[in-house]
N, C-alpha and C. Protein backbone atom coordinates (compact mmCIF):
# COMPACT_ATOMS: atom_id res chain seq x y z
N MET A 1 0.96 -1.10 -0.20
CA MET A 1 -0.08 0.21 -0.01
C MET A 1 0.75 1.24 0.05
N LYS A 2 0.47 1.97 -0.96
CA LYS A 2 1.43 3.37 -0.83
C LYS A 2 1.05 4.52 0.11
N LYS A 3 2.01 4.76 0.84
CA LYS A 3 1.97 6.28 1.88
C LYS A 3 1.91 7.22 1.30
N ILE A 4 0.90 7.79 1.95
CA ILE A 4 0.51 9.05 1.80
C ILE A 4 0.91 10.04 2.61
N LYS A 5 2.57 10.99 2.38
CA LYS A 5 2.94 11.87 3.49
C LYS A 5 2.09 13.31 3.20
N SER A 6 1.83 13.55 4.64
CA SER A 6 0.95 14.91 5.02
C SER A 6 2.13 16.06 4.96
N ASN A 7 1.48 17.22 4.28
CA ASN A 7 2.12 17.78 4.00
C ASN A 7 1.99 19.12 5.18
N ASN A 8 1.14 18.80 6.28
CA ASN A 8 0.96 19.74 7.53
C ASN A 8 0.27 21.09 7.15
N ILE A 9 -0.81 20.55 6.13
CA ILE A 9 -1.43 22.09 5.71
C ILE A 9 -2.59 22.08 7.33
N GLN A 10 -2.43 23.04 8.03
CA GLN A 10 -3.58 23.29 8.85
C GLN A 10 -4.02 25.09 8.58
N ILE A 11 -5.49 24.84 8.09
CA ILE A 11 -6.13 26.12 8.00
C ILE A 11 -6.97 26.58 9.61
N LYS A 12 -6.43 27.65 10.23
CA LYS A 12 -7.28 27.62 11.55
C LYS A 12 -8.02 28.92 11.34
N ASN A 13 -9.00 28.95 12.23
CA ASN A 13 -10.09 29.77 12.52
C ASN A 13 -9.80 30.68 13.79
N LYS A 14 -8.94 31.62 13.86
CA LYS A 14 -8.55 32.33 15.01
C LYS A 14 -9.22 33.25 15.39
N ARG A 15 -9.99 33.67 14.57
CA ARG A 15 -11.20 34.43 15.51
C ARG A 15 -12.06 33.80 16.54
N ALA A 16 -12.55 32.28 16.08
CA ALA A 16 -13.38 31.44 16.78
C ALA A 16 -12.79 31.59 18.21
N THR A 17 -11.78 31.14 18.49
CA THR A 17 -11.04 30.91 19.89
C THR A 17 -11.63 32.45 20.72
N PHE A 18 -11.59 33.86 20.03
CA PHE A 18 -11.30 35.15 20.69
C PHE A 18 -12.97 35.25 21.05
N ASP A 19 -13.67 34.71 20.08
CA ASP A 19 -15.10 35.36 19.94
C ASP A 19 -16.09 34.24 20.92
N TYR A 20 -15.86 33.22 20.76
CA TYR A 20 -16.30 32.13 21.75
C TYR A 20 -15.35 31.00 22.40
N GLU A 21 -16.38 30.64 23.52
CA GLU A 21 -15.97 29.67 24.69
C GLU A 21 -15.89 28.30 24.45
N ILE A 22 -14.92 27.92 24.13
CA ILE A 22 -15.05 26.16 23.47
C ILE A 22 -15.46 25.20 24.62
N LEU A 23 -16.50 24.52 24.29
CA LEU A 23 -17.37 23.49 25.36
C LEU A 23 -16.57 22.12 24.56
N ASP A 24 -16.55 21.82 23.76
CA ASP A 24 -16.44 20.55 23.28
C ASP A 24 -16.15 20.41 21.67
N THR A 25 -15.29 19.36 21.28
CA THR A 25 -14.44 19.64 19.94
C THR A 25 -14.75 18.40 19.15
N PHE A 26 -15.10 18.03 17.81
CA PHE A 26 -15.17 17.30 16.91
C PHE A 26 -14.36 17.11 16.10
N THR A 27 -14.12 16.08 15.46
CA THR A 27 -13.18 15.78 14.14
C THR A 27 -14.17 15.11 13.02
N ALA A 28 -14.29 15.91 11.88
CA ALA A 28 -15.74 15.62 11.09
C ALA A 28 -14.61 15.32 9.68
N GLY A 29 -15.28 14.43 9.09
CA GLY A 29 -14.66 14.05 7.47
C GLY A 29 -15.50 15.32 6.78
N MET A 30 -14.92 15.61 5.33
CA MET A 30 -15.65 16.51 4.64
C MET A 30 -16.26 15.82 3.33
N VAL A 31 -17.23 16.08 2.66
CA VAL A 31 -17.86 15.57 1.37
C VAL A 31 -17.27 16.67 0.32
N LEU A 32 -16.54 16.68 -0.20
CA LEU A 32 -15.62 17.16 -1.63
C LEU A 32 -15.88 16.96 -2.81
N GLN A 33 -15.95 17.98 -3.66
CA GLN A 33 -16.21 17.88 -4.96
C GLN A 33 -14.86 18.20 -5.64
N GLY A 34 -14.47 17.64 -6.71
CA GLY A 34 -13.66 17.66 -7.68
C GLY A 34 -12.41 18.29 -7.37
N THR A 35 -11.95 19.49 -7.59
CA THR A 35 -10.66 20.23 -7.20
C THR A 35 -10.35 21.15 -5.94
N GLU A 36 -11.72 20.53 -5.29
CA GLU A 36 -11.53 21.46 -4.16
C GLU A 36 -10.57 20.82 -3.03
N ILE A 37 -9.98 19.67 -3.03
CA ILE A 37 -8.85 18.83 -1.93
C ILE A 37 -7.34 19.22 -2.57
N LYS A 38 -7.63 19.62 -3.78
CA LYS A 38 -6.56 20.31 -4.33
C LYS A 38 -5.93 21.79 -4.03
N SER A 39 -7.00 22.58 -3.92
CA SER A 39 -6.86 23.59 -3.27
C SER A 39 -6.95 23.57 -1.81
N ILE A 40 -7.22 22.71 -1.11
CA ILE A 40 -7.10 22.67 0.26
C ILE A 40 -5.77 22.14 0.41
N ARG A 41 -5.04 21.26 -0.40
CA ARG A 41 -3.43 20.84 -0.48
C ARG A 41 -2.59 22.21 -0.58
N THR A 42 -3.19 22.99 -1.79
CA THR A 42 -2.02 24.55 -1.51
C THR A 42 -2.34 25.26 -0.24
N GLY A 43 -3.33 25.14 0.77
CA GLY A 43 -3.45 26.05 1.64
C GLY A 43 -4.20 27.20 1.22
N LYS A 44 -5.11 27.23 0.08
CA LYS A 44 -6.09 28.28 -0.32
C LYS A 44 -7.43 27.75 0.35
N ALA A 45 -7.82 28.16 1.40
CA ALA A 45 -8.66 28.05 2.04
C ALA A 45 -9.11 28.95 3.11
N SER A 46 -10.37 29.38 3.89
CA SER A 46 -10.50 30.07 4.90
C SER A 46 -11.76 29.67 5.59
N LEU A 47 -11.41 29.90 6.99
CA LEU A 47 -12.86 29.24 8.00
C LEU A 47 -13.52 30.63 8.42
N VAL A 48 -12.91 32.01 8.14
CA VAL A 48 -13.33 33.23 8.28
C VAL A 48 -14.50 33.08 8.37
N ASP A 49 -15.62 33.50 9.28
CA ASP A 49 -17.12 33.75 9.30
C ASP A 49 -18.00 32.43 8.58
N SER A 50 -17.48 31.53 8.98
CA SER A 50 -18.03 30.11 8.52
C SER A 50 -18.45 29.67 9.77
N PHE A 51 -19.89 28.48 9.94
CA PHE A 51 -20.19 28.16 10.98
C PHE A 51 -21.15 26.82 10.55
N CYS A 52 -21.70 26.00 11.42
CA CYS A 52 -22.15 24.64 10.93
C CYS A 52 -24.13 24.80 11.45
N LEU A 53 -24.70 24.16 10.70
CA LEU A 53 -26.22 24.11 10.63
C LEU A 53 -26.50 22.64 10.42
N PHE A 54 -27.63 22.32 11.21
CA PHE A 54 -28.38 20.98 11.06
C PHE A 54 -29.47 21.19 9.53
N PHE A 55 -29.23 20.21 8.85
CA PHE A 55 -30.69 20.20 8.00
C PHE A 55 -31.09 18.62 8.23
N GLY A 56 -32.32 18.55 8.85
CA GLY A 56 -32.43 17.18 9.00
C GLY A 56 -31.58 16.61 10.01
N SER A 57 -31.15 15.79 9.62
CA SER A 57 -30.21 15.03 10.42
C SER A 57 -28.87 15.04 10.08
N GLU A 58 -28.43 16.07 9.05
CA GLU A 58 -26.90 16.01 8.36
C GLU A 58 -26.54 17.47 9.08
N LEU A 59 -25.13 17.37 9.41
CA LEU A 59 -24.45 18.71 9.73
C LEU A 59 -24.04 19.13 8.44
N TRP A 60 -23.73 20.30 7.93
CA TRP A 60 -23.42 21.39 6.92
C TRP A 60 -22.46 22.27 7.21
N ALA A 61 -21.50 22.41 6.66
CA ALA A 61 -20.40 23.66 7.12
C ALA A 61 -20.58 24.62 5.85
N LYS A 62 -21.43 25.86 6.33
CA LYS A 62 -21.80 27.04 5.71
C LYS A 62 -20.69 28.08 5.72
N ASN A 63 -20.78 28.67 4.40
CA ASN A 63 -19.65 29.98 4.05
C ASN A 63 -18.21 29.50 4.47
N MET A 64 -17.87 28.33 4.01
CA MET A 64 -16.67 27.84 4.03
C MET A 64 -15.85 28.47 3.10
N TYR A 65 -14.87 29.25 2.93
CA TYR A 65 -14.16 29.49 1.50
C TYR A 65 -13.25 28.60 1.09
N ILE A 66 -13.16 27.91 -0.02
CA ILE A 66 -12.08 26.92 -0.74
C ILE A 66 -12.04 27.60 -1.97
N ALA A 67 -10.41 27.92 -2.22
CA ALA A 67 -10.41 29.18 -3.45
C ALA A 67 -10.49 28.03 -4.56
N PRO A 68 -10.91 28.71 -5.96
CA PRO A 68 -11.00 28.02 -7.35
C PRO A 68 -9.46 27.44 -7.45
N TYR A 69 -9.45 26.25 -7.60
CA TYR A 69 -8.18 25.45 -8.34
C TYR A 69 -7.64 26.26 -9.63
N GLU A 70 -6.38 26.75 -9.79
CA GLU A 70 -5.96 27.60 -10.75
C GLU A 70 -5.52 26.68 -11.88
N TYR A 71 -5.48 25.25 -11.76
CA TYR A 71 -5.40 24.66 -12.85
C TYR A 71 -6.49 24.06 -13.33
N GLY A 72 -7.51 24.54 -12.72
CA GLY A 72 -9.11 23.72 -12.92
C GLY A 72 -9.57 24.30 -14.37
N SER A 73 -10.30 23.62 -14.86
CA SER A 73 -11.15 23.83 -16.42
C SER A 73 -12.59 24.65 -15.80
N TYR A 74 -13.34 24.22 -16.89
CA TYR A 74 -14.63 24.99 -16.44
C TYR A 74 -15.33 24.17 -15.39
N ASN A 75 -15.15 22.71 -14.99
CA ASN A 75 -15.59 22.21 -14.17
C ASN A 75 -14.78 22.21 -12.77
N ASN A 76 -14.52 23.58 -12.19
CA ASN A 76 -14.07 24.27 -11.06
C ASN A 76 -15.16 24.34 -10.27
N HIS A 77 -14.83 23.86 -8.68
CA HIS A 77 -15.99 24.00 -7.68
C HIS A 77 -16.32 25.48 -7.62
N ILE A 78 -17.56 25.62 -7.13
CA ILE A 78 -18.12 26.67 -6.40
C ILE A 78 -17.22 27.23 -5.09
N GLU A 79 -16.59 28.35 -4.78
CA GLU A 79 -16.25 28.43 -3.66
C GLU A 79 -17.01 28.66 -2.20
N ARG A 80 -18.08 29.12 -2.14
CA ARG A 80 -18.49 29.34 -0.75
C ARG A 80 -19.74 28.03 -0.85
N ARG A 81 -19.81 26.89 -1.65
CA ARG A 81 -20.96 26.58 -1.51
C ARG A 81 -20.90 25.69 0.13
N ASP A 82 -22.50 24.91 0.56
CA ASP A 82 -22.08 24.22 1.53
C ASP A 82 -21.39 22.98 1.55
N ARG A 83 -20.94 22.68 2.45
CA ARG A 83 -20.29 21.17 2.67
C ARG A 83 -20.89 20.57 3.53
N LYS A 84 -20.99 18.95 3.28
CA LYS A 84 -21.77 17.96 4.37
C LYS A 84 -20.36 17.23 4.96
N LEU A 85 -20.75 17.48 6.28
CA LEU A 85 -19.71 17.11 7.44
C LEU A 85 -19.89 15.72 7.79
N LEU A 86 -19.00 14.51 7.57
CA LEU A 86 -19.10 13.54 7.93
C LEU A 86 -18.76 13.26 9.56
N LEU A 87 -20.04 12.51 10.44
CA LEU A 87 -19.52 12.57 11.76
C LEU A 87 -20.43 11.23 12.20
N ASN A 88 -20.23 10.25 13.05
CA ASN A 88 -21.05 9.07 13.34
C ASN A 88 -22.58 9.86 13.69
N LYS A 89 -23.11 8.89 14.26
CA LYS A 89 -24.47 8.91 14.87
C LYS A 89 -24.80 9.44 16.05
N LYS A 90 -23.86 9.13 16.56
CA LYS A 90 -23.89 9.39 18.04
C LYS A 90 -23.40 10.63 18.51
N GLU A 91 -22.35 11.30 17.55
CA GLU A 91 -21.94 12.55 17.62
C GLU A 91 -22.83 13.58 16.94
N LEU A 92 -23.61 13.09 16.28
CA LEU A 92 -24.42 13.94 15.24
C LEU A 92 -25.75 13.97 16.33
N HIS A 93 -25.79 13.06 17.44
CA HIS A 93 -27.10 13.16 18.21
C HIS A 93 -26.68 14.37 19.40
N ASP A 94 -25.70 14.04 19.94
CA ASP A 94 -24.98 14.72 20.82
C ASP A 94 -25.04 16.40 20.29
N LEU A 95 -24.56 16.53 18.99
CA LEU A 95 -24.54 18.06 18.95
C LEU A 95 -25.95 18.62 18.49
N GLN A 96 -26.42 17.80 18.10
CA GLN A 96 -27.51 18.27 17.74
C GLN A 96 -28.88 18.75 19.07
N GLU A 97 -28.87 17.80 20.01
CA GLU A 97 -29.40 17.98 21.35
C GLU A 97 -28.36 19.54 22.10
N ALA A 98 -27.47 19.58 21.94
CA ALA A 98 -26.66 20.49 22.59
C ALA A 98 -26.67 21.64 22.02
N VAL A 99 -27.14 21.86 20.82
CA VAL A 99 -27.23 22.79 19.51
C VAL A 99 -28.96 23.56 20.11
N LYS A 100 -29.72 22.71 21.13
CA LYS A 100 -30.98 23.38 21.15
C LYS A 100 -31.30 24.19 22.10
N THR A 101 -29.76 24.09 23.31
CA THR A 101 -29.43 25.17 24.46
C THR A 101 -29.32 26.26 23.75
N PRO A 102 -30.31 27.45 24.26
CA PRO A 102 -29.78 29.16 23.85
C PRO A 102 -28.67 29.58 23.90
N GLY A 103 -27.97 29.96 23.16
CA GLY A 103 -26.58 30.61 23.31
C GLY A 103 -25.39 29.41 22.32
N VAL A 104 -25.76 28.06 22.14
CA VAL A 104 -24.45 27.31 21.79
C VAL A 104 -24.76 27.21 20.51
N THR A 105 -23.67 27.06 19.65
CA THR A 105 -23.69 26.93 18.34
C THR A 105 -22.49 26.33 18.01
N ILE A 106 -22.15 25.70 16.77
CA ILE A 106 -21.28 24.61 16.06
C ILE A 106 -20.23 25.73 15.25
N VAL A 107 -18.92 25.71 15.47
CA VAL A 107 -18.22 26.59 14.82
C VAL A 107 -16.92 25.74 14.09
N PRO A 108 -16.30 25.88 12.79
CA PRO A 108 -15.07 25.17 12.45
C PRO A 108 -14.18 26.14 13.32
N LEU A 109 -12.91 24.97 13.77
CA LEU A 109 -12.11 25.52 14.41
C LEU A 109 -10.49 25.62 13.30
N LYS A 110 -10.41 23.96 12.73
CA LYS A 110 -9.07 24.12 12.03
C LYS A 110 -9.59 23.27 10.90
N LEU A 111 -9.05 23.28 9.71
CA LEU A 111 -9.22 22.34 8.36
C LEU A 111 -7.70 21.62 8.21
N PHE A 112 -7.87 20.64 8.37
CA PHE A 112 -6.34 19.98 7.92
C PHE A 112 -6.66 18.69 7.34
N ILE A 113 -5.26 18.34 6.49
CA ILE A 113 -5.00 16.96 6.19
C ILE A 113 -4.43 16.04 6.94
N ASN A 114 -5.21 14.69 7.24
CA ASN A 114 -4.60 13.90 8.06
C ASN A 114 -3.33 13.18 7.35
N ASP A 115 -2.98 12.28 8.00
CA ASP A 115 -1.85 11.12 7.45
C ASP A 115 -2.24 10.23 6.59
N ARG A 116 -3.43 10.30 6.13
CA ARG A 116 -4.08 9.43 5.18
C ARG A 116 -4.15 10.30 3.80
N GLY A 117 -4.30 11.42 3.80
CA GLY A 117 -4.38 12.23 2.83
C GLY A 117 -5.96 13.19 2.38
N LEU A 118 -6.56 12.56 3.62
CA LEU A 118 -7.75 13.13 4.03
C LEU A 118 -8.21 14.19 4.21
N ALA A 119 -8.99 15.18 3.99
CA ALA A 119 -9.51 16.87 4.51
C ALA A 119 -10.22 16.43 5.85
N LYS A 120 -10.00 16.85 6.88
CA LYS A 120 -10.64 16.48 8.13
C LYS A 120 -10.94 18.24 8.94
N LEU A 121 -12.11 18.47 9.17
CA LEU A 121 -12.62 19.60 9.83
C LEU A 121 -12.70 19.54 11.25
N ASN A 122 -12.07 20.22 12.34
CA ASN A 122 -12.16 20.33 13.56
C ASN A 122 -13.55 21.26 13.62
N VAL A 123 -14.90 21.02 14.46
CA VAL A 123 -15.66 21.79 14.80
C VAL A 123 -15.70 21.74 16.34
N ALA A 124 -16.14 22.82 16.53
CA ALA A 124 -16.21 23.01 18.11
C ALA A 124 -17.73 23.24 18.63
N LEU A 125 -18.07 22.88 19.59
CA LEU A 125 -19.61 23.24 20.20
C LEU A 125 -19.27 24.68 20.92
N VAL A 126 -19.83 25.65 20.97
CA VAL A 126 -19.18 26.65 21.71
C VAL A 126 -20.68 27.69 21.97
N ARG A 127 -20.10 28.54 23.12
CA ARG A 127 -21.09 29.80 23.55
C ARG A 127 -20.28 30.92 23.53
N GLY A 128 -21.28 31.84 22.88
CA GLY A 128 -20.32 33.25 22.75
C GLY A 128 -19.79 33.80 23.93
N LYS A 129 -18.78 34.66 23.88
CA LYS A 129 -18.12 35.46 25.05
C LYS A 129 -18.76 36.57 25.23
N LYS A 130 -19.01 37.29 26.30
CA LYS A 130 -19.07 38.68 26.51
C LYS A 130 -18.30 39.70 26.21
N GLN A 131 -18.47 40.76 25.90
CA GLN A 131 -17.41 41.73 25.81
C GLN A 131 -16.46 41.76 26.74
N TYR A 132 -16.82 41.68 27.99
CA TYR A 132 -15.90 41.72 29.35
C TYR A 132 -14.94 40.70 29.34
N ASP A 133 -15.38 39.29 28.72
CA ASP A 133 -14.43 38.15 28.46
C ASP A 133 -13.57 38.64 27.86
N LYS A 134 -13.80 39.14 26.59
CA LYS A 134 -12.84 39.39 25.40
C LYS A 134 -11.95 40.43 25.98
N ARG A 135 -12.22 41.37 26.59
CA ARG A 135 -11.22 42.24 27.13
C ARG A 135 -10.66 41.81 28.34
N ALA A 136 -10.98 40.84 28.81
CA ALA A 136 -9.80 40.32 29.90
C ALA A 136 -8.82 38.94 29.43
N ALA A 137 -9.26 38.63 28.20
CA ALA A 137 -8.39 38.03 27.22
C ALA A 137 -7.35 38.49 26.58
N LEU A 138 -7.79 39.63 26.19
CA LEU A 138 -6.37 40.52 25.73
C LEU A 138 -5.39 41.03 26.72
N LYS A 139 -6.08 41.76 27.72
CA LYS A 139 -5.05 41.71 28.77
C LYS A 139 -4.19 41.23 29.42
N GLU A 140 -4.67 39.82 29.47
CA GLU A 140 -3.99 38.38 29.81
C GLU A 140 -3.25 37.97 29.09
N ARG A 141 -3.52 38.36 27.86
CA ARG A 141 -2.39 38.03 26.44
C ARG A 141 -1.09 38.89 26.78
N ASP A 142 -1.58 40.57 26.84
CA ASP A 142 -0.65 41.36 26.83
C ASP A 142 0.06 41.30 27.83
N ASP A 143 -0.53 41.07 28.96
CA ASP A 143 0.55 40.80 30.39
C ASP A 143 1.55 39.77 29.92
N LYS A 144 1.14 38.77 29.59
CA LYS A 144 1.92 37.68 29.24
C LYS A 144 2.96 38.06 28.38
N ARG A 145 2.60 38.85 27.55
CA ARG A 145 3.62 39.40 26.36
C ARG A 145 4.93 40.14 27.29
N GLU A 146 4.27 41.23 27.97
CA GLU A 146 5.18 41.93 28.82
C GLU A 146 6.04 40.95 29.82
N MET A 147 5.55 39.89 30.54
CA MET A 147 6.40 39.13 31.06
C MET A 147 7.66 38.52 30.45
N GLN A 148 7.22 38.45 29.06
CA GLN A 148 8.21 37.55 28.33
C GLN A 148 9.19 38.68 28.11
N ARG A 149 9.22 39.73 27.79
CA ARG A 149 9.91 40.99 27.14
C ARG A 149 10.70 41.01 28.45
N ALA A 150 10.37 41.38 29.89
CA ALA A 150 10.94 41.60 30.88
C ALA A 150 12.06 40.57 31.02
N PHE A 151 11.49 39.16 31.07
CA PHE A 151 12.21 37.88 31.24
C PHE A 151 13.25 37.95 30.25
N TYR A 152 13.45 38.39 29.28
CA TYR A 152 14.45 37.95 28.47
C TYR A 152 15.30 39.43 28.07
N LYS A 153 14.77 40.48 28.75
CA LYS A 153 15.66 41.86 28.71
C LYS A 153 16.70 41.44 29.98
N SER A 154 16.33 40.56 31.08
CA SER A 154 16.82 40.54 32.01
C SER A 154 18.19 39.55 31.76
N TYR A 155 17.92 38.79 30.65
CA TYR A 155 19.49 38.31 30.41
C TYR A 155 20.39 38.96 29.44
């Protein structure tokens, strides 16, 4: 069997960790069309402003951007189409029950290629942060940065 090397493609949604409190994470497969995997392997995708919704009992990623493949022909993919996520029934049921709680939603965190060469999406069950929580996170990050500067300055 031919072993496929992963080239460590990881596309992260940095805004999600700032805007949301992460409750639980899941790794889902994705149903892709044609040239989408080639664009992901070149790192031309974005998770900004993307979210997940249930249609019936299926989970779909909406507004995820995957750039058109530059060497593709007339049958290149649509950039922001809805993509079905693949999870097992228990995970889907758990997510569907959790989303019924007010203020809880599902957001993509990271898109990556696993060691078998398949595109996977880390999705998280999240609750929105309040404005004062965001300010506290910024202050904590600035304080850490100042401590690191002071530590390295002393050497």
